[in-house]
């Protein structure tokens, strides 16, 4: 249940063309702060995915997909029984646009929220 979930959200984008992505980020943050137990912004998707695999978080959302940030964590989450998808619900790959990782019961509610705020 999302209302009982601790959700990590990656930090904000910087540099050129970051304003549009940060607008999505802010809308997502606003929704999650209303619909989840807590939102955390640690600034490291590698840390967020490791904590998800260890049971310290219930979900993690990264509005990008950088192999050097997610590859090891994707493996950890999958081995721990978590699910990782792209924004459209397809299986997460190196070509995915976003990284949405969560306990199986939270994936679809989170994916829907991400789709709504895009």
PDB file of N, CA and C in Angstrom:
ATOM      1  N   UNK A   1       0.843  -1.183   0.000  1.00  0.00           N
ATOM      2  CA  UNK A   1       0.000   0.000   0.000  1.00  0.00           C
ATOM      3  C   UNK A   1       0.888   1.246   0.000  1.00  0.00           C
ATOM      4  N   UNK A   2       0.662   2.117  -0.951  1.00  0.00           N
ATOM      5  CA  UNK A   2       1.501   3.291  -1.119  1.00  0.00           C
ATOM      6  C   UNK A   2       1.480   4.211   0.101  1.00  0.00           C
ATOM      7  N   UNK A   3       0.365   4.289   0.787  1.00  0.00           N
ATOM      8  CA  UNK A   3       0.281   5.168   1.959  1.00  0.00           C
ATOM      9  C   UNK A   3       1.177   4.709   3.106  1.00  0.00           C
ATOM     10  N   UNK A   4       1.699   3.515   3.018  1.00  0.00           N
ATOM     11  CA  UNK A   4       2.608   2.993   4.045  1.00  0.00           C
ATOM     12  C   UNK A   4       4.037   2.847   3.522  1.00  0.00           C
ATOM     13  N   UNK A   5       4.316   3.410   2.358  1.00  0.00           N
ATOM     14  CA  UNK A   5       5.597   3.201   1.685  1.00  0.00           C
ATOM     15  C   UNK A   5       6.553   4.371   1.850  1.00  0.00           C
ATOM     16  N   UNK A   6       7.815   4.027   2.017  1.00  0.00           N
ATOM     17  CA  UNK A   6       8.907   4.989   2.010  1.00  0.00           C
ATOM     18  C   UNK A   6       9.474   4.983   0.581  1.00  0.00           C
ATOM     19  N   UNK A   7       9.359   6.126  -0.103  1.00  0.00           N
ATOM     20  CA  UNK A   7       9.735   6.223  -1.509  1.00  0.00           C
ATOM     21  C   UNK A   7      10.914   7.175  -1.664  1.00  0.00           C
ATOM     22  N   UNK A   8      11.940   6.730  -2.372  1.00  0.00           N
ATOM     23  CA  UNK A   8      13.087   7.585  -2.673  1.00  0.00           C
ATOM     24  C   UNK A   8      12.911   8.176  -4.069  1.00  0.00           C
ATOM     25  N   UNK A   9      13.290   9.418  -4.198  1.00  0.00           N
ATOM     26  CA  UNK A   9      13.219  10.130  -5.470  1.00  0.00           C
ATOM     27  C   UNK A   9      14.596  10.731  -5.724  1.00  0.00           C
ATOM     28  N   UNK A  10      15.110  10.567  -6.933  1.00  0.00           N
ATOM     29  CA  UNK A  10      16.444  11.088  -7.212  1.00  0.00           C
ATOM     30  C   UNK A  10      16.463  12.606  -7.146  1.00  0.00           C
ATOM     31  N   UNK A  11      17.655  13.141  -7.075  1.00  0.00           N
ATOM     32  CA  UNK A  11      17.795  14.584  -6.957  1.00  0.00           C
ATOM     33  C   UNK A  11      17.437  15.288  -8.267  1.00  0.00           C
ATOM     34  N   UNK A  12      17.395  16.584  -8.205  1.00  0.00           N
ATOM     35  CA  UNK A  12      16.969  17.387  -9.335  1.00  0.00           C
ATOM     36  C   UNK A  12      18.057  17.474 -10.398  1.00  0.00           C
ATOM     37  N   UNK A  13      17.623  17.688 -11.630  1.00  0.00           N
ATOM     38  CA  UNK A  13      18.548  17.824 -12.749  1.00  0.00           C
ATOM     39  C   UNK A  13      19.232  19.194 -12.695  1.00  0.00           C
ATOM     40  N   UNK A  14      20.405  19.270 -13.284  1.00  0.00           N
ATOM     41  CA  UNK A  14      21.140  20.534 -13.379  1.00  0.00           C
ATOM     42  C   UNK A  14      21.602  20.715 -14.820  1.00  0.00           C
ATOM     43  N   UNK A  15      21.943  21.927 -15.163  1.00  0.00           N
ATOM     44  CA  UNK A  15      22.484  22.194 -16.492  1.00  0.00           C
ATOM     45  C   UNK A  15      21.424  22.562 -17.498  1.00  0.00           C
ATOM     46  N   UNK A  16      21.854  22.581 -18.759  1.00  0.00           N
ATOM     47  CA  UNK A  16      20.955  22.934 -19.844  1.00  0.00           C
ATOM     48  C   UNK A  16      19.762  21.989 -19.912  1.00  0.00           C
ATOM     49  N   UNK A  17      18.615  22.535 -20.234  1.00  0.00           N
ATOM     50  CA  UNK A  17      17.382  21.772 -20.419  1.00  0.00           C
ATOM     51  C   UNK A  17      16.912  21.048 -19.155  1.00  0.00           C
ATOM     52  N   UNK A  18      17.395  21.461 -17.998  1.00  0.00           N
ATOM     53  CA  UNK A  18      16.989  20.802 -16.762  1.00  0.00           C
ATOM     54  C   UNK A  18      15.641  21.304 -16.245  1.00  0.00           C
ATOM     55  N   UNK A  19      15.228  22.489 -16.677  1.00  0.00           N
ATOM     56  CA  UNK A  19      13.995  23.079 -16.167  1.00  0.00           C
ATOM     57  C   UNK A  19      12.769  22.212 -16.448  1.00  0.00           C
ATOM     58  N   UNK A  20      12.655  21.668 -17.651  1.00  0.00           N
ATOM     59  CA  UNK A  20      11.500  20.828 -18.003  1.00  0.00           C
ATOM     60  C   UNK A  20      11.473  19.551 -17.165  1.00  0.00           C
ATOM     61  N   UNK A  21      12.615  18.926 -17.001  1.00  0.00           N
ATOM     62  CA  UNK A  21      12.663  17.707 -16.184  1.00  0.00           C
ATOM     63  C   UNK A  21      12.363  18.025 -14.730  1.00  0.00           C
ATOM     64  N   UNK A  22      12.838  19.152 -14.237  1.00  0.00           N
ATOM     65  CA  UNK A  22      12.576  19.512 -12.847  1.00  0.00           C
ATOM     66  C   UNK A  22      11.107  19.834 -12.603  1.00  0.00           C
ATOM     67  N   UNK A  23      10.411  20.323 -13.617  1.00  0.00           N
ATOM     68  CA  UNK A  23       8.965  20.540 -13.477  1.00  0.00           C
ATOM     69  C   UNK A  23       8.252  19.205 -13.238  1.00  0.00           C
ATOM     70  N   UNK A  24       8.626  18.189 -13.989  1.00  0.00           N
ATOM     71  CA  UNK A  24       8.064  16.844 -13.772  1.00  0.00           C
ATOM     72  C   UNK A  24       8.433  16.351 -12.374  1.00  0.00           C
ATOM     73  N   UNK A  25       9.664  16.572 -12.003  1.00  0.00           N
ATOM     74  CA  UNK A  25      10.159  16.159 -10.694  1.00  0.00           C
ATOM     75  C   UNK A  25       9.338  16.802  -9.572  1.00  0.00           C
ATOM     76  N   UNK A  26       9.074  18.091  -9.690  1.00  0.00           N
ATOM     77  CA  UNK A  26       8.295  18.794  -8.673  1.00  0.00           C
ATOM     78  C   UNK A  26       6.858  18.287  -8.598  1.00  0.00           C
ATOM     79  N   UNK A  27       6.253  18.026  -9.759  1.00  0.00           N
ATOM     80  CA  UNK A  27       4.892  17.472  -9.753  1.00  0.00           C
ATOM     81  C   UNK A  27       4.883  16.079  -9.125  1.00  0.00           C
ATOM     82  N   UNK A  28       5.892  15.283  -9.435  1.00  0.00           N
ATOM     83  CA  UNK A  28       5.990  13.948  -8.858  1.00  0.00           C
ATOM     84  C   UNK A  28       6.194  14.026  -7.347  1.00  0.00           C
ATOM     85  N   UNK A  29       7.054  14.906  -6.913  1.00  0.00           N
ATOM     86  CA  UNK A  29       7.289  15.093  -5.477  1.00  0.00           C
ATOM     87  C   UNK A  29       6.003  15.508  -4.751  1.00  0.00           C
ATOM     88  N   UNK A  30       5.252  16.410  -5.353  1.00  0.00           N
ATOM     89  CA  UNK A  30       3.994  16.859  -4.747  1.00  0.00           C
ATOM     90  C   UNK A  30       3.005  15.707  -4.598  1.00  0.00           C
ATOM     91  N   UNK A  31       2.901  14.878  -5.623  1.00  0.00           N
ATOM     92  CA  UNK A  31       1.983  13.725  -5.552  1.00  0.00           C
ATOM     93  C   UNK A  31       2.450  12.717  -4.501  1.00  0.00           C
ATOM     94  N   UNK A  32       3.733  12.410  -4.519  1.00  0.00           N
ATOM     95  CA  UNK A  32       4.247  11.405  -3.585  1.00  0.00           C
ATOM     96  C   UNK A  32       4.150  11.855  -2.138  1.00  0.00           C
ATOM     97  N   UNK A  33       4.353  13.143  -1.876  1.00  0.00           N
ATOM     98  CA  UNK A  33       4.269  13.600  -0.489  1.00  0.00           C
ATOM     99  C   UNK A  33       2.844  13.495   0.047  1.00  0.00           C
ATOM    100  N   UNK A  34       1.857  13.511  -0.841  1.00  0.00           N
ATOM    101  CA  UNK A  34       0.468  13.340  -0.424  1.00  0.00           C
ATOM    102  C   UNK A  34       0.060  11.876  -0.332  1.00  0.00           C
ATOM    103  N   UNK A  35       0.643  11.024  -1.177  1.00  0.00           N
ATOM    104  CA  UNK A  35       0.146   9.659  -1.317  1.00  0.00           C
ATOM    105  C   UNK A  35       1.023   8.577  -0.712  1.00  0.00           C
ATOM    106  N   UNK A  36       2.212   8.932  -0.236  1.00  0.00           N
ATOM    107  CA  UNK A  36       3.083   7.937   0.382  1.00  0.00           C
ATOM    108  C   UNK A  36       3.331   8.307   1.846  1.00  0.00           C
ATOM    109  N   UNK A  37       3.939   7.390   2.556  1.00  0.00           N
ATOM    110  CA  UNK A  37       4.269   7.657   3.960  1.00  0.00           C
ATOM    111  C   UNK A  37       5.351   8.729   4.068  1.00  0.00           C
ATOM    112  N   UNK A  38       6.426   8.564   3.324  1.00  0.00           N
ATOM    113  CA  UNK A  38       7.545   9.501   3.332  1.00  0.00           C
ATOM    114  C   UNK A  38       8.233   9.505   1.970  1.00  0.00           C
ATOM    115  N   UNK A  39       8.835  10.642   1.622  1.00  0.00           N
ATOM    116  CA  UNK A  39       9.652  10.751   0.420  1.00  0.00           C
ATOM    117  C   UNK A  39      11.060  11.131   0.862  1.00  0.00           C
ATOM    118  N   UNK A  40      12.029  10.444   0.310  1.00  0.00           N
ATOM    119  CA  UNK A  40      13.431  10.713   0.627  1.00  0.00           C
ATOM    120  C   UNK A  40      14.173  11.087  -0.651  1.00  0.00           C
ATOM    121  N   UNK A  41      15.092  12.031  -0.560  1.00  0.00           N
ATOM    122  CA  UNK A  41      15.941  12.409  -1.677  1.00  0.00           C
ATOM    123  C   UNK A  41      17.380  12.307  -1.181  1.00  0.00           C
ATOM    124  N   UNK A  42      18.028  11.195  -1.509  1.00  0.00           N
ATOM    125  CA  UNK A  42      19.390  10.943  -1.045  1.00  0.00           C
ATOM    126  C   UNK A  42      20.446  11.439  -2.023  1.00  0.00           C
ATOM    127  N   UNK A  43      20.077  11.587  -3.293  1.00  0.00           N
ATOM    128  CA  UNK A  43      21.027  12.066  -4.286  1.00  0.00           C
ATOM    129  C   UNK A  43      21.847  10.978  -4.939  1.00  0.00           C
ATOM    130  N   UNK A  44      21.518   9.718  -4.660  1.00  0.00           N
ATOM    131  CA  UNK A  44      22.258   8.608  -5.261  1.00  0.00           C
ATOM    132  C   UNK A  44      21.303   7.465  -5.566  1.00  0.00           C
ATOM    133  N   UNK A  45      21.084   7.204  -6.841  1.00  0.00           N
ATOM    134  CA  UNK A  45      20.212   6.095  -7.215  1.00  0.00           C
ATOM    135  C   UNK A  45      20.841   4.759  -6.829  1.00  0.00           C
ATOM    136  N   UNK A  46      22.171   4.670  -6.863  1.00  0.00           N
ATOM    137  CA  UNK A  46      22.849   3.437  -6.441  1.00  0.00           C
ATOM    138  C   UNK A  46      22.510   3.136  -4.977  1.00  0.00           C
ATOM    139  N   UNK A  47      22.564   4.147  -4.133  1.00  0.00           N
ATOM    140  CA  UNK A  47      22.213   3.982  -2.725  1.00  0.00           C
ATOM    141  C   UNK A  47      20.739   3.630  -2.572  1.00  0.00           C
ATOM    142  N   UNK A  48      19.875   4.330  -3.287  1.00  0.00           N
ATOM    143  CA  UNK A  48      18.439   4.066  -3.188  1.00  0.00           C
ATOM    144  C   UNK A  48      18.100   2.632  -3.577  1.00  0.00           C
ATOM    145  N   UNK A  49      18.679   2.142  -4.655  1.00  0.00           N
ATOM    146  CA  UNK A  49      18.393   0.770  -5.088  1.00  0.00           C
ATOM    147  C   UNK A  49      18.962  -0.253  -4.101  1.00  0.00           C
ATOM    148  N   UNK A  50      20.132   0.011  -3.555  1.00  0.00           N
ATOM    149  CA  UNK A  50      20.695  -0.898  -2.551  1.00  0.00           C
ATOM    150  C   UNK A  50      19.814  -0.925  -1.307  1.00  0.00           C
ATOM    151  N   UNK A  51      19.333   0.237  -0.883  1.00  0.00           N
ATOM    152  CA  UNK A  51      18.457   0.289   0.286  1.00  0.00           C
ATOM    153  C   UNK A  51      17.106  -0.369   0.001  1.00  0.00           C
ATOM    154  N   UNK A  52      16.616  -0.246  -1.216  1.00  0.00           N
ATOM    155  CA  UNK A  52      15.385  -0.931  -1.592  1.00  0.00           C
ATOM    156  C   UNK A  52      15.587  -2.440  -1.492  1.00  0.00           C
ATOM    157  N   UNK A  53      16.679  -2.923  -2.035  1.00  0.00           N
ATOM    158  CA  UNK A  53      16.970  -4.364  -1.975  1.00  0.00           C
ATOM    159  C   UNK A  53      17.127  -4.853  -0.537  1.00  0.00           C
ATOM    160  N   UNK A  54      17.646  -3.999   0.333  1.00  0.00           N
ATOM    161  CA  UNK A  54      17.860  -4.365   1.735  1.00  0.00           C
ATOM    162  C   UNK A  54      16.613  -4.193   2.592  1.00  0.00           C
ATOM    163  N   UNK A  55      15.540  -3.619   2.029  1.00  0.00           N
ATOM    164  CA  UNK A  55      14.305  -3.434   2.775  1.00  0.00           C
ATOM    165  C   UNK A  55      14.225  -2.123   3.542  1.00  0.00           C
ATOM    166  N   UNK A  56      15.144  -1.206   3.334  1.00  0.00           N
ATOM    167  CA  UNK A  56      15.109   0.096   4.011  1.00  0.00           C
ATOM    168  C   UNK A  56      14.187   1.090   3.317  1.00  0.00           C
ATOM    169  N   UNK A  57      13.906   0.841   2.044  1.00  0.00           N
ATOM    170  CA  UNK A  57      12.968   1.636   1.258  1.00  0.00           C
ATOM    171  C   UNK A  57      11.972   0.688   0.613  1.00  0.00           C
ATOM    172  N   UNK A  58      10.822   1.227   0.222  1.00  0.00           N
ATOM    173  CA  UNK A  58       9.822   0.424  -0.477  1.00  0.00           C
ATOM    174  C   UNK A  58       9.812   0.676  -1.976  1.00  0.00           C
ATOM    175  N   UNK A  59      10.379   1.812  -2.389  1.00  0.00           N
ATOM    176  CA  UNK A  59      10.397   2.144  -3.810  1.00  0.00           C
ATOM    177  C   UNK A  59      11.434   3.218  -4.082  1.00  0.00           C
ATOM    178  N   UNK A  60      11.816   3.309  -5.360  1.00  0.00           N
ATOM    179  CA  UNK A  60      12.744   4.347  -5.794  1.00  0.00           C
ATOM    180  C   UNK A  60      12.383   4.734  -7.223  1.00  0.00           C
ATOM    181  N   UNK A  61      12.410   6.038  -7.484  1.00  0.00           N
ATOM    182  CA  UNK A  61      12.091   6.540  -8.819  1.00  0.00           C
ATOM    183  C   UNK A  61      13.213   7.467  -9.272  1.00  0.00           C
ATOM    184  N   UNK A  62      13.721   7.180 -10.464  1.00  0.00           N
ATOM    185  CA  UNK A  62      14.746   8.021 -11.076  1.00  0.00           C
ATOM    186  C   UNK A  62      14.211   8.447 -12.437  1.00  0.00           C
ATOM    187  N   UNK A  63      14.143   9.736 -12.668  1.00  0.00           N
ATOM    188  CA  UNK A  63      13.592  10.265 -13.912  1.00  0.00           C
ATOM    189  C   UNK A  63      14.622  10.266 -15.032  1.00  0.00           C
ATOM    190  N   UNK A  64      15.455   9.261 -15.021  1.00  0.00           N
ATOM    191  CA  UNK A  64      16.423   9.017 -16.081  1.00  0.00           C
ATOM    192  C   UNK A  64      16.878   7.566 -15.943  1.00  0.00           C
ATOM    193  N   UNK A  65      17.824   7.182 -16.750  1.00  0.00           N
ATOM    194  CA  UNK A  65      18.334   5.816 -16.706  1.00  0.00           C
ATOM    195  C   UNK A  65      19.788   5.851 -17.130  1.00  0.00           C
ATOM    196  N   UNK A  66      20.664   6.033 -16.193  1.00  0.00           N
ATOM    197  CA  UNK A  66      22.095   6.087 -16.469  1.00  0.00           C
ATOM    198  C   UNK A  66      22.722   4.788 -15.986  1.00  0.00           C
ATOM    199  N   UNK A  67      23.291   4.043 -16.920  1.00  0.00           N
ATOM    200  CA  UNK A  67      23.803   2.704 -16.602  1.00  0.00           C
ATOM    201  C   UNK A  67      24.758   2.725 -15.416  1.00  0.00           C
ATOM    202  N   UNK A  68      25.621   3.716 -15.325  1.00  0.00           N
ATOM    203  CA  UNK A  68      26.592   3.775 -14.235  1.00  0.00           C
ATOM    204  C   UNK A  68      25.939   4.048 -12.881  1.00  0.00           C
ATOM    205  N   UNK A  69      24.723   4.557 -12.876  1.00  0.00           N
ATOM    206  CA  UNK A  69      23.992   4.799 -11.634  1.00  0.00           C
ATOM    207  C   UNK A  69      23.116   3.625 -11.212  1.00  0.00           C
ATOM    208  N   UNK A  70      22.647   2.832 -12.175  1.00  0.00           N
ATOM    209  CA  UNK A  70      21.612   1.852 -11.846  1.00  0.00           C
ATOM    210  C   UNK A  70      21.967   0.383 -12.037  1.00  0.00           C
ATOM    211  N   UNK A  71      22.955   0.060 -12.829  1.00  0.00           N
ATOM    212  CA  UNK A  71      23.176  -1.341 -13.221  1.00  0.00           C
ATOM    213  C   UNK A  71      23.340  -2.290 -12.033  1.00  0.00           C
ATOM    214  N   UNK A  72      24.212  -1.973 -11.100  1.00  0.00           N
ATOM    215  CA  UNK A  72      24.412  -2.854  -9.946  1.00  0.00           C
ATOM    216  C   UNK A  72      23.148  -2.911  -9.086  1.00  0.00           C
ATOM    217  N   UNK A  73      22.505  -1.771  -8.893  1.00  0.00           N
ATOM    218  CA  UNK A  73      21.299  -1.726  -8.078  1.00  0.00           C
ATOM    219  C   UNK A  73      20.140  -2.490  -8.684  1.00  0.00           C
ATOM    220  N   UNK A  74      20.019  -2.464 -10.004  1.00  0.00           N
ATOM    221  CA  UNK A  74      18.975  -3.226 -10.688  1.00  0.00           C
ATOM    222  C   UNK A  74      19.121  -4.702 -10.361  1.00  0.00           C
ATOM    223  N   UNK A  75      20.333  -5.199 -10.426  1.00  0.00           N
ATOM    224  CA  UNK A  75      20.585  -6.598 -10.096  1.00  0.00           C
ATOM    225  C   UNK A  75      20.225  -6.893  -8.639  1.00  0.00           C
ATOM    226  N   UNK A  76      20.631  -6.026  -7.728  1.00  0.00           N
ATOM    227  CA  UNK A  76      20.315  -6.226  -6.307  1.00  0.00           C
ATOM    228  C   UNK A  76      18.811  -6.274  -6.069  1.00  0.00           C
ATOM    229  N   UNK A  77      18.092  -5.323  -6.655  1.00  0.00           N
ATOM    230  CA  UNK A  77      16.637  -5.262  -6.451  1.00  0.00           C
ATOM    231  C   UNK A  77      15.962  -6.498  -7.025  1.00  0.00           C
ATOM    232  N   UNK A  78      16.339  -6.899  -8.219  1.00  0.00           N
ATOM    233  CA  UNK A  78      15.730  -8.087  -8.833  1.00  0.00           C
ATOM    234  C   UNK A  78      16.019  -9.342  -8.010  1.00  0.00           C
ATOM    235  N   UNK A  79      17.235  -9.475  -7.523  1.00  0.00           N
ATOM    236  CA  UNK A  79      17.590 -10.647  -6.706  1.00  0.00           C
ATOM    237  C   UNK A  79      16.836 -10.657  -5.376  1.00  0.00           C
ATOM    238  N   UNK A  80      16.470  -9.481  -4.885  1.00  0.00           N
ATOM    239  CA  UNK A  80      15.725  -9.376  -3.627  1.00  0.00           C
ATOM    240  C   UNK A  80      14.217  -9.524  -3.825  1.00  0.00           C
ATOM    241  N   UNK A  81      13.766  -9.689  -5.072  1.00  0.00           N
ATOM    242  CA  UNK A  81      12.348  -9.880  -5.341  1.00  0.00           C
ATOM    243  C   UNK A  81      11.609  -8.627  -5.773  1.00  0.00           C
ATOM    244  N   UNK A  82      12.323  -7.527  -5.961  1.00  0.00           N
ATOM    245  CA  UNK A  82      11.699  -6.296  -6.415  1.00  0.00           C
ATOM    246  C   UNK A  82      11.508  -6.294  -7.925  1.00  0.00           C
ATOM    247  N   UNK A  83      10.775  -5.304  -8.404  1.00  0.00           N
ATOM    248  CA  UNK A  83      10.472  -5.169  -9.823  1.00  0.00           C
ATOM    249  C   UNK A  83      10.969  -3.803 -10.279  1.00  0.00           C
ATOM    250  N   UNK A  84      11.529  -3.763 -11.497  1.00  0.00           N
ATOM    251  CA  UNK A  84      12.006  -2.499 -12.059  1.00  0.00           C
ATOM    252  C   UNK A  84      11.444  -2.353 -13.459  1.00  0.00           C
ATOM    253  N   UNK A  85      10.788  -1.206 -13.690  1.00  0.00           N
ATOM    254  CA  UNK A  85      10.148  -0.957 -14.981  1.00  0.00           C
ATOM    255  C   UNK A  85      10.471   0.448 -15.473  1.00  0.00           C
ATOM    256  N   UNK A  86      10.152   0.672 -16.739  1.00  0.00           N
ATOM    257  CA  UNK A  86      10.215   2.004 -17.321  1.00  0.00           C
ATOM    258  C   UNK A  86       8.863   2.684 -17.080  1.00  0.00           C
ATOM    259  N   UNK A  87       8.727   3.930 -17.480  1.00  0.00           N
ATOM    260  CA  UNK A  87       7.495   4.689 -17.242  1.00  0.00           C
ATOM    261  C   UNK A  87       6.265   4.075 -17.907  1.00  0.00           C
ATOM    262  N   UNK A  88       6.456   3.292 -18.974  1.00  0.00           N
ATOM    263  CA  UNK A  88       5.313   2.689 -19.665  1.00  0.00           C
ATOM    264  C   UNK A  88       4.977   1.283 -19.160  1.00  0.00           C
ATOM    265  N   UNK A  89       5.692   0.831 -18.148  1.00  0.00           N
ATOM    266  CA  UNK A  89       5.433  -0.494 -17.574  1.00  0.00           C
ATOM    267  C   UNK A  89       6.264  -1.598 -18.183  1.00  0.00           C
ATOM    268  N   UNK A  90       7.025  -1.288 -19.222  1.00  0.00           N
ATOM    269  CA  UNK A  90       7.876  -2.313 -19.829  1.00  0.00           C
ATOM    270  C   UNK A  90       9.050  -2.632 -18.908  1.00  0.00           C
ATOM    271  N   UNK A  91       9.607  -3.808 -19.095  1.00  0.00           N
ATOM    272  CA  UNK A  91      10.756  -4.219 -18.283  1.00  0.00           C
ATOM    273  C   UNK A  91      11.900  -3.218 -18.448  1.00  0.00           C
ATOM    274  N   UNK A  92      12.580  -2.935 -17.382  1.00  0.00           N
ATOM    275  CA  UNK A  92      13.691  -1.985 -17.398  1.00  0.00           C
ATOM    276  C   UNK A  92      14.880  -2.578 -18.149  1.00  0.00           C
ATOM    277  N   UNK A  93      15.417  -1.798 -19.081  1.00  0.00           N
ATOM    278  CA  UNK A  93      16.612  -2.184 -19.838  1.00  0.00           C
ATOM    279  C   UNK A  93      17.544  -0.975 -19.902  1.00  0.00           C
ATOM    280  N   UNK A  94      18.668  -1.142 -20.559  1.00  0.00           N
ATOM    281  CA  UNK A  94      19.583  -0.014 -20.743  1.00  0.00           C
ATOM    282  C   UNK A  94      18.970   1.077 -21.606  1.00  0.00           C
ATOM    283  N   UNK A  95      17.935   0.759 -22.371  1.00  0.00           N
ATOM    284  CA  UNK A  95      17.276   1.745 -23.228  1.00  0.00           C
ATOM    285  C   UNK A  95      16.073   2.422 -22.556  1.00  0.00           C
ATOM    286  N   UNK A  96      15.749   2.040 -21.334  1.00  0.00           N
ATOM    287  CA  UNK A  96      14.606   2.632 -20.634  1.00  0.00           C
ATOM    288  C   UNK A  96      14.815   4.124 -20.431  1.00  0.00           C
ATOM    289  N   UNK A  97      13.709   4.845 -20.388  1.00  0.00           N
ATOM    290  CA  UNK A  97      13.761   6.299 -20.160  1.00  0.00           C
ATOM    291  C   UNK A  97      13.888   6.607 -18.674  1.00  0.00           C
ATOM    292  N   UNK A  98      13.082   5.934 -17.847  1.00  0.00           N
ATOM    293  CA  UNK A  98      13.073   6.145 -16.403  1.00  0.00           C
ATOM    294  C   UNK A  98      13.407   4.839 -15.696  1.00  0.00           C
ATOM    295  N   UNK A  99      13.656   4.939 -14.393  1.00  0.00           N
ATOM    296  CA  UNK A  99      13.910   3.772 -13.562  1.00  0.00           C
ATOM    297  C   UNK A  99      12.923   3.812 -12.396  1.00  0.00           C
ATOM    298  N   UNK A 100      11.933   2.930 -12.431  1.00  0.00           N
ATOM    299  CA  UNK A 100      10.945   2.835 -11.364  1.00  0.00           C
ATOM    300  C   UNK A 100      11.123   1.463 -10.727  1.00  0.00           C
ATOM    301  N   UNK A 101      11.577   1.447  -9.484  1.00  0.00           N
ATOM    302  CA  UNK A 101      11.871   0.194  -8.787  1.00  0.00           C
ATOM    303  C   UNK A 101      11.064   0.137  -7.502  1.00  0.00           C
ATOM    304  N   UNK A 102      10.471  -1.037  -7.231  1.00  0.00           N
ATOM    305  CA  UNK A 102       9.619  -1.129  -6.049  1.00  0.00           C
ATOM    306  C   UNK A 102       9.289  -2.576  -5.712  1.00  0.00           C
ATOM    307  N   UNK A 103       8.689  -2.725  -4.562  1.00  0.00           N
ATOM    308  CA  UNK A 103       8.070  -4.001  -4.223  1.00  0.00           C
ATOM    309  C   UNK A 103       6.982  -4.246  -5.266  1.00  0.00           C
ATOM    310  N   UNK A 104       6.729  -5.501  -5.631  1.00  0.00           N
ATOM    311  CA  UNK A 104       5.776  -5.796  -6.715  1.00  0.00           C
ATOM    312  C   UNK A 104       4.422  -5.093  -6.590  1.00  0.00           C
ATOM    313  N   UNK A 105       3.882  -4.989  -5.401  1.00  0.00           N
ATOM    314  CA  UNK A 105       2.553  -4.391  -5.232  1.00  0.00           C
ATOM    315  C   UNK A 105       2.542  -2.877  -5.450  1.00  0.00           C
ATOM    316  N   UNK A 106       3.686  -2.242  -5.452  1.00  0.00           N
ATOM    317  CA  UNK A 106       3.750  -0.783  -5.589  1.00  0.00           C
ATOM    318  C   UNK A 106       4.098  -0.310  -6.998  1.00  0.00           C
ATOM    319  N   UNK A 107       4.546  -1.217  -7.831  1.00  0.00           N
ATOM    320  CA  UNK A 107       5.026  -0.813  -9.154  1.00  0.00           C
ATOM    321  C   UNK A 107       3.942  -0.120  -9.968  1.00  0.00           C
ATOM    322  N   UNK A 108       2.790  -0.709 -10.094  1.00  0.00           N
ATOM    323  CA  UNK A 108       1.744  -0.130 -10.935  1.00  0.00           C
ATOM    324  C   UNK A 108       1.214   1.189 -10.379  1.00  0.00           C
ATOM    325  N   UNK A 109       0.924   1.320  -9.083  1.00  0.00           N
ATOM    326  CA  UNK A 109       0.497   2.632  -8.586  1.00  0.00           C
ATOM    327  C   UNK A 109       1.544   3.729  -8.827  1.00  0.00           C
ATOM    328  N   UNK A 110       2.818   3.405  -8.648  1.00  0.00           N
ATOM    329  CA  UNK A 110       3.868   4.394  -8.878  1.00  0.00           C
ATOM    330  C   UNK A 110       4.003   4.724 -10.360  1.00  0.00           C
ATOM    331  N   UNK A 111       3.928   3.714 -11.198  1.00  0.00           N
ATOM    332  CA  UNK A 111       4.026   3.942 -12.630  1.00  0.00           C
ATOM    333  C   UNK A 111       2.889   4.835 -13.109  1.00  0.00           C
ATOM    334  N   UNK A 112       1.694   4.641 -12.579  1.00  0.00           N
ATOM    335  CA  UNK A 112       0.560   5.470 -12.951  1.00  0.00           C
ATOM    336  C   UNK A 112       0.773   6.928 -12.538  1.00  0.00           C
ATOM    337  N   UNK A 113       1.308   7.121 -11.338  1.00  0.00           N
ATOM    338  CA  UNK A 113       1.577   8.482 -10.874  1.00  0.00           C
ATOM    339  C   UNK A 113       2.611   9.150 -11.774  1.00  0.00           C
ATOM    340  N   UNK A 114       3.682   8.445 -12.102  1.00  0.00           N
ATOM    341  CA  UNK A 114       4.710   8.995 -12.982  1.00  0.00           C
ATOM    342  C   UNK A 114       4.092   9.367 -14.329  1.00  0.00           C
ATOM    343  N   UNK A 115       3.272   8.491 -14.886  1.00  0.00           N
ATOM    344  CA  UNK A 115       2.631   8.770 -16.175  1.00  0.00           C
ATOM    345  C   UNK A 115       1.725   9.994 -16.107  1.00  0.00           C
ATOM    346  N   UNK A 116       1.011  10.149 -14.999  1.00  0.00           N
ATOM    347  CA  UNK A 116       0.102  11.284 -14.844  1.00  0.00           C
ATOM    348  C   UNK A 116       0.818  12.612 -14.725  1.00  0.00           C
ATOM    349  N   UNK A 117       1.997  12.627 -14.129  1.00  0.00           N
ATOM    350  CA  UNK A 117       2.701  13.907 -13.935  1.00  0.00           C
ATOM    351  C   UNK A 117       3.590  14.298 -15.113  1.00  0.00           C
ATOM    352  N   UNK A 118       3.774  13.379 -16.070  1.00  0.00           N
ATOM    353  CA  UNK A 118       4.643  13.664 -17.226  1.00  0.00           C
ATOM    354  C   UNK A 118       4.045  14.690 -18.144  1.00  0.00           C
TER     355      UNK A 118
END
